[in-house]
């Protein structure tokens, strides 16, 4: 275990802390800690930072309720930067965005970038800000019954593709199913973290959870 005493704080007594979502691994924010705020973080299990602009400590969530529960704190190879994995109670950004990093500066045309978190947010945006001509917006307009019908249809297509033994077709149909399941999640207000927490609780790889437990 790396000792806190071996951490290297800068000339102002600060060390950068990159805060990451424990479940999605999304970078949430970059903040700074001094020895006191780090000690509070480790003691309370909640992120506490030092505000360089206000020159005082601030416990994340103290006013907003969006606390960040610390899962782990890891130092880099030089001991002069930290990665803090957290389970958050709400948006990390004061603007209401899930992450402070939500302003794209550059996206490569040659290297297509995809993340499931990005897909979820895109679908969520089609619900909160409907776009004319969008299939996703169409599904939300039609409502839960239409969405459930599509999930059922795509589930059947996955079964057919799997039975047929075509890997390419299975990938195509699984992708369709995941998309429609994500639409259902957004419609029902189910977050990626909700699903991740459930899977973590079940240890789903080794344990079968009977449906009776859901009754």
N, C-alpha and C. Protein backbone atom coordinates (compact mmCIF):
# COMPACT_ATOMS: atom_id res chain seq x y z
N UNK A 1 0.85 -1.18 0.00
CA UNK A 1 0.00 0.00 0.00
C UNK A 1 0.89 1.24 0.00
N UNK A 2 0.61 2.16 -0.93
CA UNK A 2 1.40 3.39 -1.03
C UNK A 2 1.07 4.32 0.13
N UNK A 3 2.09 4.81 0.81
CA UNK A 3 1.89 5.66 1.98
C UNK A 3 1.55 7.09 1.57
N UNK A 4 0.58 7.66 2.27
CA UNK A 4 0.21 9.06 2.04
C UNK A 4 1.41 9.97 2.27
N UNK A 5 2.27 9.58 3.17
CA UNK A 5 3.45 10.39 3.48
C UNK A 5 4.40 10.51 2.29
N UNK A 6 4.29 9.58 1.34
CA UNK A 6 5.17 9.60 0.18
C UNK A 6 4.60 10.41 -0.99
N UNK A 7 3.39 10.94 -0.82
CA UNK A 7 2.81 11.76 -1.88
C UNK A 7 3.58 13.08 -2.01
N UNK A 8 3.64 13.57 -3.23
CA UNK A 8 4.36 14.81 -3.51
C UNK A 8 3.37 15.93 -3.81
N UNK A 9 3.19 16.83 -2.86
CA UNK A 9 2.35 18.00 -3.05
C UNK A 9 3.19 19.11 -3.66
N UNK A 10 2.56 19.97 -4.49
CA UNK A 10 3.33 21.02 -5.16
C UNK A 10 3.70 22.13 -4.19
N UNK A 11 4.29 23.21 -4.73
CA UNK A 11 4.79 24.30 -3.89
C UNK A 11 3.67 25.00 -3.12
N UNK A 12 2.43 24.82 -3.58
CA UNK A 12 1.29 25.42 -2.89
C UNK A 12 0.61 24.41 -1.95
N UNK A 13 1.22 23.24 -1.85
CA UNK A 13 0.68 22.22 -0.97
C UNK A 13 -0.50 21.46 -1.54
N UNK A 14 -0.58 21.43 -2.89
CA UNK A 14 -1.72 20.80 -3.55
C UNK A 14 -1.30 19.61 -4.41
N UNK A 15 -2.24 18.71 -4.63
CA UNK A 15 -2.01 17.57 -5.52
C UNK A 15 -3.27 17.40 -6.36
N UNK A 16 -3.12 17.23 -7.70
CA UNK A 16 -4.31 17.06 -8.56
C UNK A 16 -4.96 15.71 -8.32
N UNK A 17 -6.30 15.72 -8.34
CA UNK A 17 -7.07 14.49 -8.15
C UNK A 17 -8.07 14.34 -9.30
N UNK A 18 -7.88 13.28 -10.10
CA UNK A 18 -8.80 12.98 -11.19
C UNK A 18 -9.88 12.07 -10.64
N UNK A 19 -11.13 12.53 -10.68
CA UNK A 19 -12.24 11.77 -10.12
C UNK A 19 -12.91 10.97 -11.23
N UNK A 20 -13.06 9.66 -11.01
CA UNK A 20 -13.58 8.74 -12.02
C UNK A 20 -14.78 7.98 -11.47
N UNK A 21 -15.80 7.80 -12.30
CA UNK A 21 -16.96 7.01 -11.91
C UNK A 21 -16.56 5.54 -11.76
N UNK A 22 -16.84 4.95 -10.62
CA UNK A 22 -16.43 3.57 -10.34
C UNK A 22 -17.05 2.58 -11.32
N UNK A 23 -18.29 2.82 -11.72
CA UNK A 23 -19.01 1.87 -12.56
C UNK A 23 -18.71 2.06 -14.05
N UNK A 24 -18.74 3.29 -14.53
CA UNK A 24 -18.58 3.53 -15.97
C UNK A 24 -17.14 3.86 -16.35
N UNK A 25 -16.31 4.21 -15.37
CA UNK A 25 -14.92 4.63 -15.58
C UNK A 25 -14.83 5.96 -16.32
N UNK A 26 -15.93 6.69 -16.36
CA UNK A 26 -15.93 8.01 -16.99
C UNK A 26 -15.21 9.00 -16.09
N UNK A 27 -14.38 9.87 -16.69
CA UNK A 27 -13.73 10.92 -15.92
C UNK A 27 -14.78 11.97 -15.57
N UNK A 28 -14.93 12.25 -14.28
CA UNK A 28 -15.97 13.17 -13.83
C UNK A 28 -15.47 14.59 -13.63
N UNK A 29 -14.31 14.73 -13.04
CA UNK A 29 -13.79 16.07 -12.78
C UNK A 29 -12.31 16.01 -12.45
N UNK A 30 -11.66 17.16 -12.55
CA UNK A 30 -10.28 17.32 -12.09
C UNK A 30 -10.30 18.37 -11.00
N UNK A 31 -9.89 17.98 -9.81
CA UNK A 31 -9.89 18.91 -8.69
C UNK A 31 -8.54 18.81 -7.97
N UNK A 32 -8.40 19.57 -6.90
CA UNK A 32 -7.14 19.56 -6.16
C UNK A 32 -7.40 19.30 -4.69
N UNK A 33 -6.45 18.61 -4.08
CA UNK A 33 -6.52 18.34 -2.65
C UNK A 33 -5.25 18.85 -1.98
N UNK A 34 -5.40 19.27 -0.72
CA UNK A 34 -4.22 19.48 0.11
C UNK A 34 -4.21 18.36 1.15
N UNK A 35 -3.26 18.39 2.04
CA UNK A 35 -3.16 17.28 3.01
C UNK A 35 -4.42 17.17 3.87
N UNK A 36 -4.99 18.32 4.23
CA UNK A 36 -6.18 18.30 5.09
C UNK A 36 -7.39 17.72 4.36
N UNK A 37 -7.60 18.16 3.12
CA UNK A 37 -8.77 17.67 2.38
C UNK A 37 -8.62 16.18 2.05
N UNK A 38 -7.40 15.74 1.79
CA UNK A 38 -7.17 14.32 1.54
C UNK A 38 -7.45 13.51 2.80
N UNK A 39 -7.03 14.04 3.95
CA UNK A 39 -7.28 13.35 5.21
C UNK A 39 -8.79 13.23 5.47
N UNK A 40 -9.54 14.28 5.16
CA UNK A 40 -10.99 14.26 5.33
C UNK A 40 -11.61 13.25 4.38
N UNK A 41 -11.11 13.23 3.15
CA UNK A 41 -11.60 12.28 2.14
C UNK A 41 -11.44 10.85 2.62
N UNK A 42 -10.28 10.53 3.15
CA UNK A 42 -10.00 9.17 3.60
C UNK A 42 -10.79 8.83 4.87
N UNK A 43 -11.00 9.82 5.71
CA UNK A 43 -11.71 9.59 6.97
C UNK A 43 -13.21 9.40 6.75
N UNK A 44 -13.80 10.29 5.93
CA UNK A 44 -15.24 10.27 5.72
C UNK A 44 -15.68 9.32 4.60
N UNK A 45 -14.74 9.01 3.68
CA UNK A 45 -15.11 8.20 2.53
C UNK A 45 -15.90 9.02 1.52
N UNK A 46 -15.78 10.34 1.59
CA UNK A 46 -16.43 11.27 0.67
C UNK A 46 -15.38 12.23 0.14
N UNK A 47 -15.49 12.60 -1.15
CA UNK A 47 -14.47 13.48 -1.71
C UNK A 47 -14.54 14.87 -1.09
N UNK A 48 -13.38 15.35 -0.70
CA UNK A 48 -13.23 16.70 -0.17
C UNK A 48 -12.05 17.33 -0.91
N UNK A 49 -12.24 18.53 -1.41
CA UNK A 49 -11.22 19.17 -2.22
C UNK A 49 -10.82 20.52 -1.62
N UNK A 50 -9.77 21.10 -2.22
CA UNK A 50 -9.37 22.46 -1.85
C UNK A 50 -9.65 23.37 -3.04
N UNK A 51 -10.48 24.38 -2.82
CA UNK A 51 -10.82 25.33 -3.89
C UNK A 51 -9.74 26.37 -4.01
N UNK A 52 -9.09 26.39 -5.17
CA UNK A 52 -8.01 27.36 -5.39
C UNK A 52 -8.56 28.78 -5.53
N UNK A 53 -9.76 28.91 -6.09
CA UNK A 53 -10.34 30.24 -6.28
C UNK A 53 -10.86 30.83 -4.97
N UNK A 54 -11.49 29.97 -4.14
CA UNK A 54 -12.03 30.45 -2.86
C UNK A 54 -11.06 30.26 -1.71
N UNK A 55 -10.01 29.50 -1.98
CA UNK A 55 -8.96 29.23 -1.00
C UNK A 55 -9.54 28.64 0.30
N UNK A 56 -10.35 27.60 0.13
CA UNK A 56 -10.88 26.91 1.30
C UNK A 56 -11.29 25.50 0.91
N UNK A 57 -11.51 24.66 1.90
CA UNK A 57 -11.93 23.28 1.67
C UNK A 57 -13.41 23.25 1.24
N UNK A 58 -13.74 22.26 0.42
CA UNK A 58 -15.17 22.05 0.11
C UNK A 58 -15.45 20.56 -0.04
N UNK A 59 -16.45 20.13 0.70
CA UNK A 59 -16.89 18.74 0.64
C UNK A 59 -17.90 18.63 -0.50
N UNK A 60 -17.56 17.85 -1.51
CA UNK A 60 -18.43 17.71 -2.67
C UNK A 60 -19.80 17.18 -2.24
N UNK A 61 -20.87 17.91 -2.61
CA UNK A 61 -22.22 17.49 -2.27
C UNK A 61 -22.78 18.13 -1.02
N UNK A 62 -21.97 18.88 -0.31
CA UNK A 62 -22.41 19.47 0.95
C UNK A 62 -23.60 20.40 0.76
N UNK A 63 -23.64 21.12 -0.35
CA UNK A 63 -24.76 22.02 -0.63
C UNK A 63 -25.72 21.43 -1.66
N UNK A 64 -25.20 20.66 -2.62
CA UNK A 64 -26.04 20.12 -3.71
C UNK A 64 -26.66 18.77 -3.38
N UNK A 65 -26.05 18.05 -2.45
CA UNK A 65 -26.50 16.70 -2.14
C UNK A 65 -25.88 15.64 -3.05
N UNK A 66 -25.06 16.09 -4.00
CA UNK A 66 -24.42 15.17 -4.94
C UNK A 66 -23.09 14.67 -4.39
N UNK A 67 -23.16 13.93 -3.30
CA UNK A 67 -21.95 13.42 -2.67
C UNK A 67 -21.28 12.38 -3.57
N UNK A 68 -19.97 12.25 -3.37
CA UNK A 68 -19.19 11.24 -4.09
C UNK A 68 -18.57 10.30 -3.07
N UNK A 69 -19.04 9.05 -3.07
CA UNK A 69 -18.57 8.06 -2.11
C UNK A 69 -17.31 7.38 -2.65
N UNK A 70 -16.24 7.47 -1.93
CA UNK A 70 -14.94 7.01 -2.40
C UNK A 70 -14.82 5.49 -2.34
N UNK A 71 -14.44 4.92 -3.48
CA UNK A 71 -14.19 3.48 -3.57
C UNK A 71 -12.70 3.20 -3.43
N UNK A 72 -11.87 4.02 -4.09
CA UNK A 72 -10.42 3.83 -4.01
C UNK A 72 -9.70 5.13 -4.34
N UNK A 73 -8.49 5.24 -3.83
CA UNK A 73 -7.61 6.36 -4.15
C UNK A 73 -6.28 5.76 -4.58
N UNK A 74 -5.82 6.12 -5.78
CA UNK A 74 -4.59 5.55 -6.32
C UNK A 74 -3.64 6.66 -6.75
N UNK A 75 -2.39 6.52 -6.36
CA UNK A 75 -1.37 7.50 -6.76
C UNK A 75 -0.68 7.04 -8.03
N UNK A 76 -0.18 7.99 -8.82
CA UNK A 76 0.57 7.63 -10.02
C UNK A 76 1.98 7.22 -9.65
N UNK A 77 2.77 6.88 -10.67
CA UNK A 77 4.11 6.34 -10.43
C UNK A 77 5.03 7.31 -9.71
N UNK A 78 4.80 8.61 -9.90
CA UNK A 78 5.66 9.62 -9.26
C UNK A 78 5.10 10.09 -7.92
N UNK A 79 3.87 9.68 -7.62
CA UNK A 79 3.27 10.09 -6.36
C UNK A 79 2.84 11.54 -6.33
N UNK A 80 2.66 12.15 -7.52
CA UNK A 80 2.28 13.56 -7.54
C UNK A 80 0.92 13.81 -8.19
N UNK A 81 0.13 12.77 -8.33
CA UNK A 81 -1.23 12.89 -8.85
C UNK A 81 -2.06 11.71 -8.35
N UNK A 82 -3.36 11.92 -8.22
CA UNK A 82 -4.25 10.89 -7.70
C UNK A 82 -5.40 10.60 -8.66
N UNK A 83 -5.84 9.35 -8.66
CA UNK A 83 -7.09 8.97 -9.30
C UNK A 83 -8.02 8.50 -8.19
N UNK A 84 -9.19 9.11 -8.12
CA UNK A 84 -10.15 8.79 -7.08
C UNK A 84 -11.39 8.18 -7.73
N UNK A 85 -11.65 6.90 -7.49
CA UNK A 85 -12.84 6.26 -8.02
C UNK A 85 -13.98 6.44 -7.02
N UNK A 86 -15.15 6.85 -7.53
CA UNK A 86 -16.27 7.15 -6.66
C UNK A 86 -17.58 6.57 -7.17
N UNK A 87 -18.52 6.42 -6.27
CA UNK A 87 -19.92 6.17 -6.61
C UNK A 87 -20.64 7.46 -6.28
N UNK A 88 -21.23 8.08 -7.28
CA UNK A 88 -21.78 9.43 -7.08
C UNK A 88 -23.29 9.38 -6.85
N UNK A 89 -23.76 10.33 -6.04
CA UNK A 89 -25.18 10.45 -5.76
C UNK A 89 -25.92 11.28 -6.81
N UNK A 90 -25.17 12.00 -7.62
CA UNK A 90 -25.79 12.86 -8.63
C UNK A 90 -24.73 13.41 -9.56
N UNK A 91 -25.10 14.36 -10.43
CA UNK A 91 -24.16 14.93 -11.39
C UNK A 91 -22.89 15.45 -10.71
N UNK A 92 -21.77 15.28 -11.39
CA UNK A 92 -20.50 15.75 -10.84
C UNK A 92 -20.28 17.23 -11.11
N UNK A 93 -20.90 17.73 -12.18
CA UNK A 93 -20.66 19.11 -12.61
C UNK A 93 -21.71 20.06 -12.03
N UNK A 94 -21.30 21.28 -11.70
CA UNK A 94 -22.23 22.26 -11.15
C UNK A 94 -23.27 22.70 -12.17
N UNK A 95 -23.03 22.40 -13.47
CA UNK A 95 -23.98 22.75 -14.52
C UNK A 95 -25.14 21.76 -14.60
N UNK A 96 -25.00 20.63 -13.90
CA UNK A 96 -26.01 19.59 -13.98
C UNK A 96 -25.61 18.44 -14.88
N UNK A 97 -24.49 18.59 -15.59
CA UNK A 97 -23.98 17.51 -16.43
C UNK A 97 -23.38 16.43 -15.54
N UNK A 98 -23.45 15.18 -16.02
CA UNK A 98 -22.92 14.06 -15.25
C UNK A 98 -21.41 14.20 -15.03
N UNK A 99 -20.71 14.74 -16.01
CA UNK A 99 -19.27 14.94 -15.93
C UNK A 99 -18.93 16.39 -16.26
N UNK A 100 -17.87 16.89 -15.65
CA UNK A 100 -17.41 18.25 -15.98
C UNK A 100 -16.84 18.29 -17.40
N UNK A 101 -16.44 17.13 -17.91
CA UNK A 101 -15.85 17.06 -19.25
C UNK A 101 -16.93 16.74 -20.28
N UNK A 102 -17.64 17.78 -20.71
CA UNK A 102 -18.74 17.58 -21.66
C UNK A 102 -18.69 18.54 -22.85
N UNK A 103 -17.55 19.18 -23.04
CA UNK A 103 -17.39 20.11 -24.16
C UNK A 103 -16.34 19.58 -25.15
N UNK A 104 -16.78 18.89 -26.22
CA UNK A 104 -15.82 18.34 -27.19
C UNK A 104 -14.98 19.45 -27.84
N UNK A 105 -13.69 19.25 -27.86
CA UNK A 105 -12.78 20.20 -28.52
C UNK A 105 -12.31 19.64 -29.85
N UNK A 106 -12.11 18.34 -29.91
CA UNK A 106 -11.66 17.69 -31.14
C UNK A 106 -12.14 16.25 -31.19
N UNK A 107 -12.66 15.86 -32.33
CA UNK A 107 -13.05 14.48 -32.56
C UNK A 107 -12.46 14.04 -33.89
N UNK A 108 -11.70 12.97 -33.88
CA UNK A 108 -11.03 12.50 -35.09
C UNK A 108 -12.03 11.96 -36.10
N UNK A 109 -11.84 12.31 -37.37
CA UNK A 109 -12.68 11.78 -38.44
C UNK A 109 -12.23 10.39 -38.86
N UNK A 110 -10.96 10.10 -38.66
CA UNK A 110 -10.41 8.82 -39.10
C UNK A 110 -10.54 7.73 -38.05
N UNK A 111 -10.58 8.14 -36.80
CA UNK A 111 -10.70 7.16 -35.72
C UNK A 111 -12.06 7.36 -35.05
N UNK A 112 -13.01 6.51 -35.41
CA UNK A 112 -14.35 6.63 -34.88
C UNK A 112 -14.35 6.32 -33.38
N UNK A 113 -14.93 7.20 -32.63
CA UNK A 113 -14.94 7.04 -31.19
C UNK A 113 -16.34 6.65 -30.72
N UNK A 114 -16.41 5.61 -29.93
CA UNK A 114 -17.71 5.14 -29.43
C UNK A 114 -17.57 4.74 -27.98
N UNK A 115 -18.59 5.06 -27.23
CA UNK A 115 -18.69 4.55 -25.86
C UNK A 115 -20.16 4.32 -25.57
N UNK A 116 -20.44 3.35 -24.72
CA UNK A 116 -21.83 3.07 -24.38
C UNK A 116 -22.43 4.23 -23.61
N UNK A 117 -21.58 4.89 -22.79
CA UNK A 117 -22.04 6.06 -22.07
C UNK A 117 -22.48 7.15 -23.04
N UNK A 118 -21.69 7.30 -24.13
CA UNK A 118 -22.04 8.30 -25.14
C UNK A 118 -23.35 7.97 -25.84
N UNK A 119 -23.56 6.68 -26.14
CA UNK A 119 -24.80 6.24 -26.77
C UNK A 119 -25.98 6.53 -25.83
N UNK A 120 -25.82 6.21 -24.56
CA UNK A 120 -26.89 6.46 -23.58
C UNK A 120 -27.25 7.94 -23.56
N UNK A 121 -26.24 8.78 -23.52
CA UNK A 121 -26.49 10.22 -23.46
C UNK A 121 -27.17 10.73 -24.73
N UNK A 122 -26.75 10.19 -25.87
CA UNK A 122 -27.36 10.58 -27.14
C UNK A 122 -28.84 10.22 -27.16
N UNK A 123 -29.15 8.98 -26.74
CA UNK A 123 -30.54 8.54 -26.68
C UNK A 123 -31.33 9.38 -25.68
N UNK A 124 -30.72 9.65 -24.53
CA UNK A 124 -31.35 10.49 -23.51
C UNK A 124 -31.68 11.87 -24.07
N UNK A 125 -30.77 12.39 -24.88
CA UNK A 125 -30.98 13.70 -25.49
C UNK A 125 -32.14 13.72 -26.47
N UNK A 126 -32.39 12.58 -27.13
CA UNK A 126 -33.51 12.50 -28.07
C UNK A 126 -34.85 12.51 -27.33
N UNK A 127 -34.81 12.15 -26.05
CA UNK A 127 -36.03 12.19 -25.24
C UNK A 127 -36.25 13.59 -24.68
N UNK A 128 -35.20 14.18 -24.15
CA UNK A 128 -35.33 15.50 -23.53
C UNK A 128 -35.40 16.62 -24.57
N UNK A 129 -34.73 16.41 -25.71
CA UNK A 129 -34.76 17.40 -26.79
C UNK A 129 -35.09 16.69 -28.10
N UNK A 130 -36.37 16.43 -28.34
CA UNK A 130 -36.80 15.68 -29.53
C UNK A 130 -36.27 16.27 -30.82
N UNK A 131 -35.89 15.38 -31.74
CA UNK A 131 -35.37 15.80 -33.03
C UNK A 131 -36.25 15.25 -34.14
N UNK A 132 -36.74 16.13 -34.99
CA UNK A 132 -37.62 15.73 -36.07
C UNK A 132 -36.91 14.76 -37.02
N UNK A 133 -37.59 13.68 -37.35
CA UNK A 133 -37.01 12.69 -38.25
C UNK A 133 -36.18 11.64 -37.57
N UNK A 134 -35.96 11.78 -36.25
CA UNK A 134 -35.15 10.82 -35.50
C UNK A 134 -35.98 9.59 -35.15
N UNK A 135 -35.45 8.40 -35.44
CA UNK A 135 -36.13 7.15 -35.09
C UNK A 135 -36.26 7.03 -33.58
N UNK A 136 -35.23 7.46 -32.86
CA UNK A 136 -35.26 7.38 -31.40
C UNK A 136 -36.36 8.26 -30.84
N UNK A 137 -36.46 9.47 -31.35
CA UNK A 137 -37.54 10.36 -30.93
C UNK A 137 -38.90 9.76 -31.25
N UNK A 138 -39.00 9.11 -32.40
CA UNK A 138 -40.23 8.43 -32.80
C UNK A 138 -40.63 7.38 -31.78
N UNK A 139 -39.67 6.59 -31.31
CA UNK A 139 -39.96 5.56 -30.31
C UNK A 139 -40.48 6.18 -29.02
N UNK A 140 -39.84 7.27 -28.58
CA UNK A 140 -40.28 7.93 -27.36
C UNK A 140 -41.69 8.52 -27.53
N UNK A 141 -41.96 9.04 -28.70
CA UNK A 141 -43.29 9.60 -28.98
C UNK A 141 -44.36 8.52 -28.92
N UNK A 142 -44.04 7.33 -29.41
CA UNK A 142 -45.00 6.22 -29.43
C UNK A 142 -45.23 5.63 -28.04
N UNK A 143 -44.21 5.74 -27.18
CA UNK A 143 -44.39 5.32 -25.80
C UNK A 143 -43.90 3.93 -25.47
N UNK A 144 -44.15 3.53 -24.25
CA UNK A 144 -43.58 2.32 -23.68
C UNK A 144 -44.01 1.05 -24.43
N UNK A 145 -45.26 0.99 -24.87
CA UNK A 145 -45.73 -0.23 -25.55
C UNK A 145 -44.96 -0.48 -26.84
N UNK A 146 -44.71 0.58 -27.60
CA UNK A 146 -43.95 0.46 -28.85
C UNK A 146 -42.51 0.05 -28.56
N UNK A 147 -41.94 0.65 -27.55
CA UNK A 147 -40.55 0.34 -27.18
C UNK A 147 -40.43 -1.12 -26.75
N UNK A 148 -41.37 -1.58 -25.94
CA UNK A 148 -41.35 -2.97 -25.48
C UNK A 148 -41.55 -3.94 -26.65
N UNK A 149 -42.40 -3.56 -27.59
CA UNK A 149 -42.61 -4.40 -28.76
C UNK A 149 -41.31 -4.57 -29.55
N UNK A 150 -40.58 -3.47 -29.71
CA UNK A 150 -39.31 -3.53 -30.44
C UNK A 150 -38.28 -4.36 -29.69
N UNK A 151 -38.24 -4.25 -28.35
CA UNK A 151 -37.32 -5.07 -27.56
C UNK A 151 -37.63 -6.55 -27.76
N UNK A 152 -38.93 -6.88 -27.78
CA UNK A 152 -39.34 -8.27 -28.01
C UNK A 152 -38.94 -8.76 -29.39
N UNK A 153 -39.16 -7.93 -30.40
CA UNK A 153 -38.81 -8.30 -31.77
C UNK A 153 -37.30 -8.51 -31.91
N UNK A 154 -36.54 -7.60 -31.35
CA UNK A 154 -35.08 -7.70 -31.47
C UNK A 154 -34.54 -8.89 -30.68
N UNK A 155 -35.17 -9.22 -29.56
CA UNK A 155 -34.76 -10.39 -28.78
C UNK A 155 -34.94 -11.65 -29.62
N UNK A 156 -36.05 -11.72 -30.33
CA UNK A 156 -36.31 -12.87 -31.20
C UNK A 156 -35.28 -12.96 -32.31
N UNK A 157 -34.91 -11.80 -32.87
CA UNK A 157 -33.91 -11.77 -33.94
C UNK A 157 -32.55 -12.26 -33.44
N UNK A 158 -32.22 -11.93 -32.19
CA UNK A 158 -30.96 -12.41 -31.61
C UNK A 158 -30.99 -13.93 -31.49
N UNK A 159 -32.12 -14.46 -31.04
CA UNK A 159 -32.25 -15.91 -30.90
C UNK A 159 -32.10 -16.60 -32.26
N UNK A 160 -32.76 -16.05 -33.28
CA UNK A 160 -32.67 -16.62 -34.63
C UNK A 160 -31.24 -16.58 -35.14
N UNK A 161 -30.56 -15.44 -34.94
CA UNK A 161 -29.18 -15.30 -35.40
C UNK A 161 -28.25 -16.26 -34.66
N UNK A 162 -28.47 -16.38 -33.35
CA UNK A 162 -27.64 -17.29 -32.57
C UNK A 162 -27.84 -18.73 -32.99
N UNK A 163 -29.09 -19.09 -33.24
CA UNK A 163 -29.39 -20.45 -33.67
C UNK A 163 -28.81 -20.73 -35.05
N UNK A 164 -28.77 -19.70 -35.89
CA UNK A 164 -28.24 -19.86 -37.25
C UNK A 164 -26.74 -20.00 -37.29
N UNK A 165 -26.06 -19.60 -36.22
CA UNK A 165 -24.62 -19.79 -36.14
C UNK A 165 -23.78 -18.75 -36.86
N UNK A 166 -24.42 -17.69 -37.38
CA UNK A 166 -23.66 -16.64 -38.07
C UNK A 166 -23.20 -15.60 -37.07
N UNK A 167 -21.89 -15.51 -36.87
CA UNK A 167 -21.35 -14.55 -35.91
C UNK A 167 -21.66 -13.12 -36.34
N UNK A 168 -21.50 -12.84 -37.63
CA UNK A 168 -21.74 -11.50 -38.15
C UNK A 168 -23.19 -11.07 -37.93
N UNK A 169 -24.11 -11.98 -38.23
CA UNK A 169 -25.52 -11.67 -38.05
C UNK A 169 -25.86 -11.51 -36.57
N UNK A 170 -25.24 -12.32 -35.72
CA UNK A 170 -25.49 -12.23 -34.28
C UNK A 170 -25.03 -10.89 -33.74
N UNK A 171 -23.85 -10.44 -34.18
CA UNK A 171 -23.34 -9.13 -33.74
C UNK A 171 -24.30 -8.02 -34.15
N UNK A 172 -24.80 -8.09 -35.38
CA UNK A 172 -25.73 -7.09 -35.89
C UNK A 172 -27.01 -7.06 -35.05
N UNK A 173 -27.58 -8.22 -34.78
CA UNK A 173 -28.85 -8.28 -34.05
C UNK A 173 -28.67 -7.94 -32.57
N UNK A 174 -27.55 -8.35 -31.99
CA UNK A 174 -27.27 -7.99 -30.59
C UNK A 174 -27.14 -6.47 -30.44
N UNK A 175 -26.51 -5.84 -31.43
CA UNK A 175 -26.37 -4.39 -31.41
C UNK A 175 -27.73 -3.71 -31.46
N UNK A 176 -28.63 -4.23 -32.30
CA UNK A 176 -30.00 -3.71 -32.37
C UNK A 176 -30.71 -3.85 -31.03
N UNK A 177 -30.54 -5.02 -30.40
CA UNK A 177 -31.19 -5.27 -29.12
C UNK A 177 -30.67 -4.33 -28.04
N UNK A 178 -29.35 -4.16 -27.99
CA UNK A 178 -28.76 -3.29 -26.98
C UNK A 178 -29.26 -1.85 -27.16
N UNK A 179 -29.35 -1.41 -28.41
CA UNK A 179 -29.87 -0.06 -28.68
C UNK A 179 -31.29 0.08 -28.14
N UNK A 180 -32.17 -0.87 -28.47
CA UNK A 180 -33.56 -0.77 -28.04
C UNK A 180 -33.70 -0.94 -26.52
N UNK A 181 -32.85 -1.77 -25.92
CA UNK A 181 -32.85 -1.88 -24.47
C UNK A 181 -32.45 -0.56 -23.82
N UNK A 182 -31.52 0.15 -24.45
CA UNK A 182 -31.09 1.43 -23.92
C UNK A 182 -32.21 2.46 -24.02
N UNK A 183 -32.96 2.42 -25.11
CA UNK A 183 -34.13 3.29 -25.24
C UNK A 183 -35.11 3.00 -24.09
N UNK A 184 -35.32 1.72 -23.81
CA UNK A 184 -36.21 1.33 -22.71
C UNK A 184 -35.69 1.85 -21.37
N UNK A 185 -34.39 1.73 -21.16
CA UNK A 185 -33.79 2.23 -19.93
C UNK A 185 -34.05 3.72 -19.75
N UNK A 186 -33.82 4.49 -20.80
CA UNK A 186 -34.03 5.94 -20.72
C UNK A 186 -35.50 6.24 -20.46
N UNK A 187 -36.37 5.53 -21.15
CA UNK A 187 -37.82 5.74 -20.97
C UNK A 187 -38.23 5.50 -19.52
N UNK A 188 -37.61 4.50 -18.88
CA UNK A 188 -37.99 4.13 -17.51
C UNK A 188 -37.12 4.81 -16.45
N UNK A 189 -36.19 5.65 -16.90
CA UNK A 189 -35.34 6.36 -15.95
C UNK A 189 -34.31 5.46 -15.28
N UNK A 190 -33.90 4.42 -15.98
CA UNK A 190 -32.89 3.49 -15.47
C UNK A 190 -31.52 3.91 -15.98
N UNK A 191 -30.59 4.16 -15.09
CA UNK A 191 -29.26 4.62 -15.50
C UNK A 191 -28.31 3.45 -15.69
N UNK A 192 -27.18 3.72 -16.31
CA UNK A 192 -26.14 2.70 -16.47
C UNK A 192 -25.64 2.25 -15.09
N UNK A 193 -25.57 3.21 -14.17
CA UNK A 193 -25.12 2.88 -12.82
C UNK A 193 -26.08 1.93 -12.13
N UNK A 194 -27.39 2.11 -12.38
CA UNK A 194 -28.39 1.21 -11.78
C UNK A 194 -28.13 -0.24 -12.18
N UNK A 195 -27.88 -0.45 -13.47
CA UNK A 195 -27.64 -1.80 -13.97
C UNK A 195 -26.31 -2.34 -13.45
N UNK A 196 -25.29 -1.47 -13.46
CA UNK A 196 -23.97 -1.90 -12.99
C UNK A 196 -24.02 -2.31 -11.52
N UNK A 197 -24.77 -1.55 -10.72
CA UNK A 197 -24.90 -1.88 -9.30
C UNK A 197 -25.59 -3.22 -9.11
N UNK A 198 -26.62 -3.48 -9.91
CA UNK A 198 -27.36 -4.74 -9.80
C UNK A 198 -26.48 -5.93 -10.17
N UNK A 199 -25.70 -5.77 -11.25
CA UNK A 199 -24.81 -6.85 -11.67
C UNK A 199 -23.73 -7.10 -10.63
N UNK A 200 -23.22 -6.01 -10.07
CA UNK A 200 -22.18 -6.15 -9.04
C UNK A 200 -22.74 -6.86 -7.82
N UNK A 201 -23.96 -6.55 -7.46
CA UNK A 201 -24.60 -7.15 -6.29
C UNK A 201 -24.85 -8.64 -6.49
N UNK A 202 -25.16 -9.02 -7.71
CA UNK A 202 -25.49 -10.42 -8.00
C UNK A 202 -24.27 -11.31 -8.17
N UNK A 203 -23.12 -10.74 -8.54
CA UNK A 203 -21.99 -11.56 -8.98
C UNK A 203 -22.48 -12.47 -10.10
N UNK A 204 -23.08 -11.84 -11.12
CA UNK A 204 -23.88 -12.56 -12.11
C UNK A 204 -23.10 -13.63 -12.88
N UNK A 205 -21.79 -13.53 -12.92
CA UNK A 205 -21.00 -14.51 -13.67
C UNK A 205 -21.08 -15.89 -13.03
N UNK A 206 -21.15 -15.93 -11.71
CA UNK A 206 -21.10 -17.21 -11.01
C UNK A 206 -22.39 -17.60 -10.31
N UNK A 207 -23.34 -16.70 -10.25
CA UNK A 207 -24.54 -16.98 -9.48
C UNK A 207 -25.79 -16.74 -10.32
N UNK A 208 -26.68 -17.71 -10.32
CA UNK A 208 -27.95 -17.54 -11.03
C UNK A 208 -28.97 -16.99 -10.03
N UNK A 209 -29.59 -15.87 -10.40
CA UNK A 209 -30.61 -15.28 -9.54
C UNK A 209 -31.99 -15.69 -10.06
N UNK A 210 -32.71 -16.42 -9.26
CA UNK A 210 -34.03 -16.91 -9.71
C UNK A 210 -35.02 -15.77 -9.78
N UNK A 211 -35.92 -15.86 -10.74
CA UNK A 211 -36.91 -14.83 -10.94
C UNK A 211 -37.82 -14.68 -9.71
N UNK A 212 -37.95 -15.77 -8.93
CA UNK A 212 -38.83 -15.72 -7.78
C UNK A 212 -38.42 -14.63 -6.80
N UNK A 213 -37.12 -14.29 -6.79
CA UNK A 213 -36.64 -13.29 -5.85
C UNK A 213 -37.14 -11.90 -6.20
N UNK A 214 -37.63 -11.72 -7.44
CA UNK A 214 -38.10 -10.42 -7.88
C UNK A 214 -39.59 -10.22 -7.57
N UNK A 215 -40.27 -11.27 -7.11
CA UNK A 215 -41.71 -11.17 -6.87
C UNK A 215 -42.03 -10.45 -5.57
